[in-house]
Amino acid sequence: MKPSHFVQTAQTTRTQSGQSMTEYLVAMLVVMMIVGVSFTGEASVIEVFLEAVRIAFDKLSGFLSLPL
């Protein structure tokens, strides 16, 4: 038989599951705001990344179109 401090009731498990879901939700909201939203008027991280990819693609296609 298990000691009484190791026995979890269904209510305790449900409460802990709800708490972890809330923590995951808050963490995901923080990450989304850091990555997708700019507070200082500057471009967001996603916008900067996409602009860098666009510039790199333009340079690559320009290089590939040069004659041999």
C-alpha atoms as a PDB file:
ATOM      1  CA  MET A   1       0.000   0.000   0.000  1.00  0.00           C
ATOM      2  CA  LYS A   2       1.265   3.471  -0.902  1.00  0.00           C
ATOM      3  CA  PRO A   3       1.775   6.136   1.735  1.00  0.00           C
ATOM      4  CA  SER A   4      -1.007   8.688   1.874  1.00  0.00           C
ATOM      5  CA  HIS A   5       1.171  11.558   0.595  1.00  0.00           C
ATOM      6  CA  PHE A   6       1.732   9.704  -2.719  1.00  0.00           C
ATOM      7  CA  VAL A   7      -1.954   9.135  -3.425  1.00  0.00           C
ATOM      8  CA  GLN A   8      -3.369  11.673  -5.871  1.00  0.00           C
ATOM      9  CA  THR A   9      -7.050  12.230  -6.176  1.00  0.00           C
ATOM     10  CA  ALA A  10      -8.779  12.899  -9.478  1.00  0.00           C
ATOM     11  CA  GLN A  11      -9.398  16.500  -8.395  1.00  0.00           C
ATOM     12  CA  THR A  12      -5.674  17.107  -7.754  1.00  0.00           C
ATOM     13  CA  THR A  13      -4.713  15.670 -11.138  1.00  0.00           C
ATOM     14  CA  ARG A  14      -7.346  17.761 -12.905  1.00  0.00           C
ATOM     15  CA  THR A  15      -6.185  20.935 -11.142  1.00  0.00           C
ATOM     16  CA  GLN A  16      -2.549  20.299 -12.028  1.00  0.00           C
ATOM     17  CA  SER A  17      -3.464  19.600 -15.647  1.00  0.00           C
ATOM     18  CA  GLY A  18      -5.400  22.847 -15.849  1.00  0.00           C
ATOM     19  CA  GLN A  19      -2.521  24.766 -14.321  1.00  0.00           C
ATOM     20  CA  SER A  20       0.000  23.402 -16.818  1.00  0.00           C
ATOM     21  CA  MET A  21      -2.326  24.255 -19.705  1.00  0.00           C
ATOM     22  CA  THR A  22      -2.535  27.834 -18.434  1.00  0.00           C
ATOM     23  CA  GLU A  23       1.249  28.033 -18.130  1.00  0.00           C
ATOM     24  CA  TYR A  24       1.715  26.758 -21.696  1.00  0.00           C
ATOM     25  CA  LEU A  25      -0.854  29.259 -22.968  1.00  0.00           C
ATOM     26  CA  VAL A  26       0.851  32.186 -21.239  1.00  0.00           C
ATOM     27  CA  ALA A  27       4.281  31.076 -22.493  1.00  0.00           C
ATOM     28  CA  MET A  28       3.017  30.779 -26.068  1.00  0.00           C
ATOM     29  CA  LEU A  29       1.398  34.218 -25.909  1.00  0.00           C
ATOM     30  CA  VAL A  30       4.671  35.737 -24.704  1.00  0.00           C
ATOM     31  CA  VAL A  31       6.635  34.052 -27.497  1.00  0.00           C
ATOM     32  CA  MET A  32       4.095  35.182 -30.107  1.00  0.00           C
ATOM     33  CA  MET A  33       4.289  38.757 -28.873  1.00  0.00           C
ATOM     34  CA  ILE A  34       8.100  38.749 -28.863  1.00  0.00           C
ATOM     35  CA  VAL A  35       8.345  37.267 -32.345  1.00  0.00           C
ATOM     36  CA  GLY A  36       5.353  38.787 -34.098  1.00  0.00           C
ATOM     37  CA  VAL A  37       4.657  42.153 -32.516  1.00  0.00           C
ATOM     38  CA  SER A  38       6.902  45.188 -32.307  1.00  0.00           C
ATOM     39  CA  PHE A  39       6.386  47.610 -29.445  1.00  0.00           C
ATOM     40  CA  THR A  40       8.946  50.257 -30.471  1.00  0.00           C
ATOM     41  CA  GLY A  41       7.689  50.940 -33.980  1.00  0.00           C
ATOM     42  CA  GLU A  42      10.470  48.887 -35.542  1.00  0.00           C
ATOM     43  CA  ALA A  43       9.857  45.884 -37.761  1.00  0.00           C
ATOM     44  CA  SER A  44       9.034  42.623 -35.985  1.00  0.00           C
ATOM     45  CA  VAL A  45      11.423  39.683 -36.005  1.00  0.00           C
ATOM     46  CA  ILE A  46       9.334  37.920 -38.643  1.00  0.00           C
ATOM     47  CA  GLU A  47       9.356  40.968 -40.921  1.00  0.00           C
ATOM     48  CA  VAL A  48      13.144  41.341 -40.586  1.00  0.00           C
ATOM     49  CA  PHE A  49      13.652  37.638 -41.341  1.00  0.00           C
ATOM     50  CA  LEU A  50      11.386  37.711 -44.403  1.00  0.00           C
ATOM     51  CA  GLU A  51      13.110  40.839 -45.710  1.00  0.00           C
ATOM     52  CA  ALA A  52      16.513  39.143 -45.321  1.00  0.00           C
ATOM     53  CA  VAL A  53      15.250  36.073 -47.214  1.00  0.00           C
ATOM     54  CA  ARG A  54      13.866  38.302 -49.991  1.00  0.00           C
ATOM     55  CA  ILE A  55      17.174  40.172 -50.336  1.00  0.00           C
ATOM     56  CA  ALA A  56      19.166  36.930 -50.385  1.00  0.00           C
ATOM     57  CA  PHE A  57      16.861  35.453 -53.034  1.00  0.00           C
ATOM     58  CA  ASP A  58      17.163  38.604 -55.166  1.00  0.00           C
ATOM     59  CA  LYS A  59      20.965  38.476 -54.945  1.00  0.00           C
ATOM     60  CA  LEU A  60      21.028  34.756 -55.767  1.00  0.00           C
ATOM     61  CA  SER A  61      18.741  35.117 -58.765  1.00  0.00           C
ATOM     62  CA  GLY A  62      20.797  38.088 -59.983  1.00  0.00           C
ATOM     63  CA  PHE A  63      23.980  36.045 -59.692  1.00  0.00           C
ATOM     64  CA  LEU A  64      22.470  33.053 -61.505  1.00  0.00           C
ATOM     65  CA  SER A  65      21.284  35.245 -64.375  1.00  0.00           C
ATOM     66  CA  LEU A  66      24.819  36.508 -65.155  1.00  0.00           C
ATOM     67  CA  PRO A  67      26.318  35.183 -68.394  1.00  0.00           C
ATOM     68  CA  LEU A  68      29.052  32.572 -68.158  1.00  0.00           C
END
